Every structure is written in C-alpha cells, then in structure tokens.
Amino acid sequence: MFHFFPRQIISLFGSGDETYMTFAAHFMRIFLFMILVNGVQMISSNFFAAIGKPIKGMILSLTRQVLFLIPLLLILPIFFGLDGILFSGPVADFSAFLVTSFLIIREMKSMKKLENAI
C-alpha cells in the first residue's frame, strides 16, 4: 500500500507543503522497499529460540538494525548523499534476509540429517 498510495498514507500523519509530500513519498518508496522480507527474519529468530539455539536467534534479531543498518547509515551517505540514507534500509533488509536464509537452510539440512539418522 505504501508503494501505490504514499501521499494518502502520509496525509494521515499531517499535511505539509509539496516539497514535504514529494520527499516523504520518495522516502517511503525507497526505505520501505524490502520491508516484506523482514517477516522472515523475525520468524526465524523466534524459530531458533524455540528449538533451543538462542544465540542464533539473538544474532538474527540483531542483523538488520545493528549489524547492517547502522554501518550502512554511516557508509552509504558518503557515496550517495541523502539517497544513501534512504537506500540503507532496503540494503540492510536484504542483507539480513540473506543471512537468515543461509542459517535457516543450514539448520533445516542439519535437522534432516538427524531425522534420517534415527
């Protein structure tokens, strides 16, 4: 919804001049582009905690915000200016998704080996 109706969503939180609305719509479209993959990371961190591997769960819960987003917020603006700040969100989301996918696939293979051994 934020991709197709950003102005309507932004207007729920206040009104501003055209410059504000243009930037806010641009911000929403870029920064929230990969937001859908965040669900995979959250579910996977809970999965690891539930199967008795809280360290992996904690690492996954920190990947997006701490391990990826903060460094990207500091590095990308050097090369891309304001757009670097905007693109740091989707890059962090996608990076966290890749790490999560790697750990989940590895865990599923490990569980499958244990299942076959029984």
N, C-alpha and C. Protein backbone atom coordinates (compact mmCIF):
# COMPACT_ATOMS: atom_id res chain seq x y z
N MET A 1 0.82 -1.20 0.00
CA MET A 1 0.00 0.00 0.00
C MET A 1 0.87 1.27 0.00
N PHE A 2 1.97 1.23 0.76
CA PHE A 2 2.81 2.42 0.82
C PHE A 2 3.45 2.74 -0.52
N HIS A 3 3.56 1.74 -1.39
CA HIS A 3 4.18 1.94 -2.68
C HIS A 3 3.21 2.59 -3.68
N PHE A 4 1.94 2.23 -3.57
CA PHE A 4 0.95 2.74 -4.51
C PHE A 4 0.22 3.99 -4.02
N PHE A 5 0.10 4.14 -2.70
CA PHE A 5 -0.63 5.27 -2.13
C PHE A 5 0.18 6.01 -1.07
N PRO A 6 1.41 6.42 -1.36
CA PRO A 6 2.21 7.05 -0.30
C PRO A 6 1.65 8.39 0.17
N ARG A 7 1.13 9.18 -0.73
CA ARG A 7 0.61 10.50 -0.33
C ARG A 7 -0.59 10.37 0.61
N GLN A 8 -1.44 9.41 0.33
CA GLN A 8 -2.61 9.22 1.18
C GLN A 8 -2.20 8.73 2.57
N ILE A 9 -1.23 7.85 2.61
CA ILE A 9 -0.74 7.36 3.91
C ILE A 9 -0.05 8.48 4.67
N ILE A 10 0.77 9.25 4.00
CA ILE A 10 1.49 10.36 4.64
C ILE A 10 0.50 11.40 5.16
N SER A 11 -0.55 11.64 4.41
CA SER A 11 -1.53 12.66 4.84
C SER A 11 -2.25 12.25 6.12
N LEU A 12 -2.22 10.96 6.49
CA LEU A 12 -2.80 10.54 7.77
C LEU A 12 -2.03 11.11 8.96
N PHE A 13 -0.75 11.41 8.75
CA PHE A 13 0.11 11.88 9.83
C PHE A 13 0.33 13.38 9.81
N GLY A 14 -0.28 14.06 8.90
CA GLY A 14 -0.16 15.51 8.86
C GLY A 14 -0.11 16.00 7.43
N SER A 15 -0.17 17.28 7.32
CA SER A 15 -0.11 17.87 5.98
C SER A 15 1.10 18.79 5.92
N GLY A 16 1.59 18.94 4.75
CA GLY A 16 2.75 19.80 4.56
C GLY A 16 2.74 20.36 3.16
N ASP A 17 3.76 21.12 2.87
CA ASP A 17 3.83 21.67 1.53
C ASP A 17 4.22 20.59 0.53
N GLU A 18 4.26 20.95 -0.72
CA GLU A 18 4.52 19.98 -1.79
C GLU A 18 5.91 19.37 -1.69
N THR A 19 6.89 20.14 -1.24
CA THR A 19 8.25 19.62 -1.09
C THR A 19 8.27 18.49 -0.06
N TYR A 20 7.59 18.71 1.04
CA TYR A 20 7.50 17.69 2.09
C TYR A 20 6.84 16.42 1.55
N MET A 21 5.71 16.57 0.87
CA MET A 21 4.98 15.41 0.36
C MET A 21 5.80 14.66 -0.68
N THR A 22 6.51 15.38 -1.53
CA THR A 22 7.34 14.73 -2.56
C THR A 22 8.46 13.93 -1.91
N PHE A 23 9.15 14.54 -0.93
CA PHE A 23 10.24 13.83 -0.27
C PHE A 23 9.71 12.65 0.53
N ALA A 24 8.61 12.82 1.24
CA ALA A 24 8.05 11.73 2.05
C ALA A 24 7.63 10.55 1.18
N ALA A 25 7.03 10.82 0.03
CA ALA A 25 6.64 9.73 -0.88
C ALA A 25 7.89 9.04 -1.42
N HIS A 26 8.90 9.81 -1.78
CA HIS A 26 10.17 9.25 -2.26
C HIS A 26 10.82 8.39 -1.17
N PHE A 27 10.82 8.89 0.06
CA PHE A 27 11.37 8.17 1.20
C PHE A 27 10.65 6.84 1.42
N MET A 28 9.33 6.88 1.43
CA MET A 28 8.56 5.65 1.68
C MET A 28 8.82 4.60 0.61
N ARG A 29 8.87 5.03 -0.64
CA ARG A 29 9.07 4.06 -1.73
C ARG A 29 10.45 3.41 -1.65
N ILE A 30 11.46 4.16 -1.27
CA ILE A 30 12.81 3.60 -1.23
C ILE A 30 13.06 2.87 0.07
N PHE A 31 12.90 3.54 1.21
CA PHE A 31 13.28 2.97 2.50
C PHE A 31 12.49 1.72 2.86
N LEU A 32 11.25 1.65 2.45
CA LEU A 32 10.40 0.52 2.81
C LEU A 32 10.29 -0.52 1.69
N PHE A 33 11.15 -0.43 0.68
CA PHE A 33 11.07 -1.30 -0.49
C PHE A 33 11.16 -2.78 -0.13
N MET A 34 12.06 -3.17 0.74
CA MET A 34 12.28 -4.58 1.08
C MET A 34 11.65 -4.97 2.42
N ILE A 35 10.70 -4.22 2.89
CA ILE A 35 10.12 -4.45 4.21
C ILE A 35 9.44 -5.82 4.32
N LEU A 36 8.99 -6.36 3.20
CA LEU A 36 8.30 -7.65 3.24
C LEU A 36 9.19 -8.79 3.71
N VAL A 37 10.49 -8.71 3.45
CA VAL A 37 11.38 -9.79 3.86
C VAL A 37 11.72 -9.74 5.35
N ASN A 38 11.34 -8.67 6.04
CA ASN A 38 11.58 -8.58 7.48
C ASN A 38 10.86 -9.67 8.26
N GLY A 39 9.72 -10.10 7.77
CA GLY A 39 8.97 -11.14 8.45
C GLY A 39 9.74 -12.44 8.54
N VAL A 40 10.50 -12.76 7.50
CA VAL A 40 11.30 -13.98 7.50
C VAL A 40 12.33 -13.93 8.62
N GLN A 41 12.95 -12.79 8.79
CA GLN A 41 13.97 -12.64 9.83
C GLN A 41 13.36 -12.77 11.22
N MET A 42 12.25 -12.13 11.46
CA MET A 42 11.62 -12.18 12.79
C MET A 42 11.15 -13.59 13.14
N ILE A 43 10.51 -14.25 12.20
CA ILE A 43 10.04 -15.62 12.44
C ILE A 43 11.21 -16.55 12.67
N SER A 44 12.27 -16.38 11.89
CA SER A 44 13.43 -17.26 12.01
C SER A 44 14.16 -17.07 13.34
N SER A 45 14.24 -15.83 13.82
CA SER A 45 14.90 -15.63 15.12
C SER A 45 14.10 -16.29 16.23
N ASN A 46 12.77 -16.25 16.13
CA ASN A 46 11.92 -16.94 17.11
C ASN A 46 12.04 -18.45 16.96
N PHE A 47 12.19 -18.93 15.74
CA PHE A 47 12.36 -20.36 15.49
C PHE A 47 13.61 -20.88 16.20
N PHE A 48 14.72 -20.16 16.05
CA PHE A 48 15.96 -20.60 16.68
C PHE A 48 15.85 -20.57 18.21
N ALA A 49 15.19 -19.57 18.73
CA ALA A 49 14.99 -19.52 20.19
C ALA A 49 14.13 -20.69 20.64
N ALA A 50 13.13 -21.04 19.85
CA ALA A 50 12.21 -22.13 20.22
C ALA A 50 12.87 -23.50 20.17
N ILE A 51 13.85 -23.70 19.29
CA ILE A 51 14.49 -25.02 19.20
C ILE A 51 15.73 -25.11 20.09
N GLY A 52 15.90 -24.13 20.95
CA GLY A 52 16.99 -24.19 21.91
C GLY A 52 18.32 -23.66 21.41
N LYS A 53 18.29 -22.77 20.42
CA LYS A 53 19.50 -22.15 19.90
C LYS A 53 19.36 -20.63 19.99
N PRO A 54 19.34 -20.11 21.23
CA PRO A 54 19.06 -18.69 21.41
C PRO A 54 20.15 -17.77 20.86
N ILE A 55 21.39 -18.25 20.77
CA ILE A 55 22.47 -17.40 20.25
C ILE A 55 22.19 -17.07 18.78
N LYS A 56 21.82 -18.09 18.00
CA LYS A 56 21.49 -17.84 16.59
C LYS A 56 20.27 -16.92 16.48
N GLY A 57 19.30 -17.13 17.33
CA GLY A 57 18.12 -16.27 17.34
C GLY A 57 18.47 -14.83 17.67
N MET A 58 19.36 -14.65 18.64
CA MET A 58 19.78 -13.30 19.01
C MET A 58 20.56 -12.64 17.88
N ILE A 59 21.43 -13.40 17.24
CA ILE A 59 22.21 -12.86 16.12
C ILE A 59 21.27 -12.42 15.00
N LEU A 60 20.29 -13.24 14.70
CA LEU A 60 19.34 -12.87 13.64
C LEU A 60 18.53 -11.64 14.02
N SER A 61 18.17 -11.51 15.27
CA SER A 61 17.38 -10.34 15.67
C SER A 61 18.22 -9.06 15.62
N LEU A 62 19.52 -9.19 15.71
CA LEU A 62 20.40 -8.01 15.64
C LEU A 62 20.87 -7.68 14.23
N THR A 63 20.72 -8.61 13.29
CA THR A 63 21.32 -8.40 11.97
C THR A 63 20.83 -7.14 11.28
N ARG A 64 19.54 -6.95 11.17
CA ARG A 64 19.06 -5.81 10.40
C ARG A 64 19.41 -4.48 11.05
N GLN A 65 19.04 -4.30 12.30
CA GLN A 65 19.19 -3.00 12.94
C GLN A 65 20.63 -2.66 13.32
N VAL A 66 21.32 -3.61 13.90
CA VAL A 66 22.63 -3.30 14.47
C VAL A 66 23.78 -3.65 13.52
N LEU A 67 23.79 -4.87 13.02
CA LEU A 67 24.92 -5.32 12.21
C LEU A 67 24.95 -4.71 10.81
N PHE A 68 23.77 -4.44 10.25
CA PHE A 68 23.74 -3.91 8.88
C PHE A 68 23.31 -2.45 8.79
N LEU A 69 22.19 -2.09 9.41
CA LEU A 69 21.63 -0.75 9.21
C LEU A 69 22.54 0.36 9.72
N ILE A 70 23.05 0.25 10.92
CA ILE A 70 23.88 1.33 11.47
C ILE A 70 25.14 1.56 10.63
N PRO A 71 25.91 0.50 10.29
CA PRO A 71 27.07 0.75 9.42
C PRO A 71 26.69 1.32 8.05
N LEU A 72 25.58 0.83 7.48
CA LEU A 72 25.16 1.34 6.18
C LEU A 72 24.74 2.80 6.26
N LEU A 73 24.11 3.19 7.36
CA LEU A 73 23.73 4.60 7.54
C LEU A 73 24.95 5.51 7.62
N LEU A 74 26.06 4.96 8.06
CA LEU A 74 27.29 5.74 8.14
C LEU A 74 28.09 5.71 6.84
N ILE A 75 28.02 4.61 6.10
CA ILE A 75 28.86 4.45 4.91
C ILE A 75 28.19 4.95 3.62
N LEU A 76 26.96 4.54 3.38
CA LEU A 76 26.31 4.86 2.10
C LEU A 76 26.16 6.36 1.83
N PRO A 77 25.87 7.21 2.82
CA PRO A 77 25.76 8.64 2.51
C PRO A 77 27.07 9.26 2.00
N ILE A 78 28.19 8.65 2.33
CA ILE A 78 29.47 9.17 1.84
C ILE A 78 29.50 9.07 0.31
N PHE A 79 28.95 7.99 -0.22
CA PHE A 79 28.99 7.77 -1.66
C PHE A 79 27.75 8.27 -2.40
N PHE A 80 26.58 8.23 -1.74
CA PHE A 80 25.33 8.54 -2.43
C PHE A 80 24.56 9.71 -1.84
N GLY A 81 25.11 10.39 -0.84
CA GLY A 81 24.42 11.52 -0.24
C GLY A 81 23.16 11.10 0.49
N LEU A 82 22.12 11.91 0.35
CA LEU A 82 20.85 11.64 1.03
C LEU A 82 20.24 10.31 0.57
N ASP A 83 20.37 10.00 -0.71
CA ASP A 83 19.85 8.72 -1.18
C ASP A 83 20.55 7.54 -0.52
N GLY A 84 21.79 7.71 -0.09
CA GLY A 84 22.49 6.66 0.64
C GLY A 84 21.79 6.32 1.94
N ILE A 85 21.25 7.33 2.61
CA ILE A 85 20.49 7.10 3.84
C ILE A 85 19.20 6.34 3.50
N LEU A 86 18.54 6.75 2.44
CA LEU A 86 17.29 6.10 2.05
C LEU A 86 17.51 4.65 1.64
N PHE A 87 18.58 4.38 0.91
CA PHE A 87 18.83 3.02 0.43
C PHE A 87 19.43 2.11 1.50
N SER A 88 19.85 2.66 2.61
CA SER A 88 20.42 1.82 3.68
C SER A 88 19.38 0.85 4.24
N GLY A 89 18.13 1.25 4.31
CA GLY A 89 17.07 0.37 4.81
C GLY A 89 16.87 -0.87 3.96
N PRO A 90 16.62 -0.70 2.64
CA PRO A 90 16.45 -1.89 1.80
C PRO A 90 17.69 -2.78 1.72
N VAL A 91 18.87 -2.16 1.71
CA VAL A 91 20.10 -2.96 1.65
C VAL A 91 20.25 -3.76 2.95
N ALA A 92 19.96 -3.14 4.09
CA ALA A 92 20.03 -3.85 5.38
C ALA A 92 18.98 -4.96 5.44
N ASP A 93 17.78 -4.68 4.96
CA ASP A 93 16.72 -5.71 4.95
C ASP A 93 17.14 -6.90 4.10
N PHE A 94 17.65 -6.64 2.92
CA PHE A 94 18.04 -7.73 2.02
C PHE A 94 19.23 -8.50 2.57
N SER A 95 20.19 -7.79 3.15
CA SER A 95 21.36 -8.46 3.74
C SER A 95 20.95 -9.36 4.90
N ALA A 96 20.07 -8.85 5.75
CA ALA A 96 19.58 -9.66 6.87
C ALA A 96 18.80 -10.87 6.35
N PHE A 97 18.05 -10.69 5.28
CA PHE A 97 17.31 -11.79 4.66
C PHE A 97 18.27 -12.87 4.16
N LEU A 98 19.37 -12.46 3.54
CA LEU A 98 20.35 -13.44 3.05
C LEU A 98 20.98 -14.23 4.19
N VAL A 99 21.36 -13.53 5.26
CA VAL A 99 21.95 -14.22 6.42
C VAL A 99 20.93 -15.17 7.03
N THR A 100 19.70 -14.72 7.17
CA THR A 100 18.64 -15.54 7.73
C THR A 100 18.40 -16.78 6.87
N SER A 101 18.33 -16.58 5.57
CA SER A 101 18.10 -17.70 4.66
C SER A 101 19.23 -18.72 4.76
N PHE A 102 20.46 -18.24 4.82
CA PHE A 102 21.61 -19.14 4.95
C PHE A 102 21.51 -19.97 6.22
N LEU A 103 21.23 -19.32 7.35
CA LEU A 103 21.16 -20.04 8.63
C LEU A 103 19.98 -21.01 8.68
N ILE A 104 18.84 -20.62 8.13
CA ILE A 104 17.66 -21.50 8.14
C ILE A 104 17.90 -22.71 7.25
N ILE A 105 18.45 -22.50 6.05
CA ILE A 105 18.72 -23.62 5.16
C ILE A 105 19.71 -24.59 5.79
N ARG A 106 20.73 -24.04 6.41
CA ARG A 106 21.72 -24.88 7.09
C ARG A 106 21.10 -25.67 8.24
N GLU A 107 20.24 -25.03 8.99
CA GLU A 107 19.58 -25.70 10.12
C GLU A 107 18.62 -26.78 9.63
N MET A 108 17.89 -26.49 8.56
CA MET A 108 16.96 -27.49 8.03
C MET A 108 17.71 -28.72 7.51
N LYS A 109 18.84 -28.50 6.87
CA LYS A 109 19.65 -29.63 6.41
C LYS A 109 20.17 -30.44 7.59
N SER A 110 20.56 -29.75 8.64
CA SER A 110 21.05 -30.43 9.85
C SER A 110 19.93 -31.23 10.49
N MET A 111 18.74 -30.68 10.56
CA MET A 111 17.60 -31.39 11.14
C MET A 111 17.22 -32.60 10.28
N LYS A 112 17.33 -32.46 8.97
CA LYS A 112 17.01 -33.56 8.07
C LYS A 112 18.01 -34.70 8.26
N LYS A 113 19.29 -34.38 8.47
CA LYS A 113 20.30 -35.41 8.72
C LYS A 113 20.00 -36.15 10.01
N LEU A 114 19.62 -35.40 11.06
CA LEU A 114 19.26 -36.04 12.33
C LEU A 114 18.03 -36.93 12.18
N GLU A 115 17.08 -36.47 11.40
CA GLU A 115 15.88 -37.26 11.18
C GLU A 115 16.20 -38.55 10.43
N ASN A 116 17.05 -38.47 9.44
CA ASN A 116 17.44 -39.67 8.68
C ASN A 116 18.29 -40.63 9.49
N ALA A 117 19.04 -40.11 10.46
CA ALA A 117 19.88 -40.95 11.30
C ALA A 117 19.06 -41.80 12.27
N ILE A 118 17.86 -41.37 12.56
CA ILE A 118 17.01 -42.09 13.52
C ILE A 118 16.34 -43.24 12.91
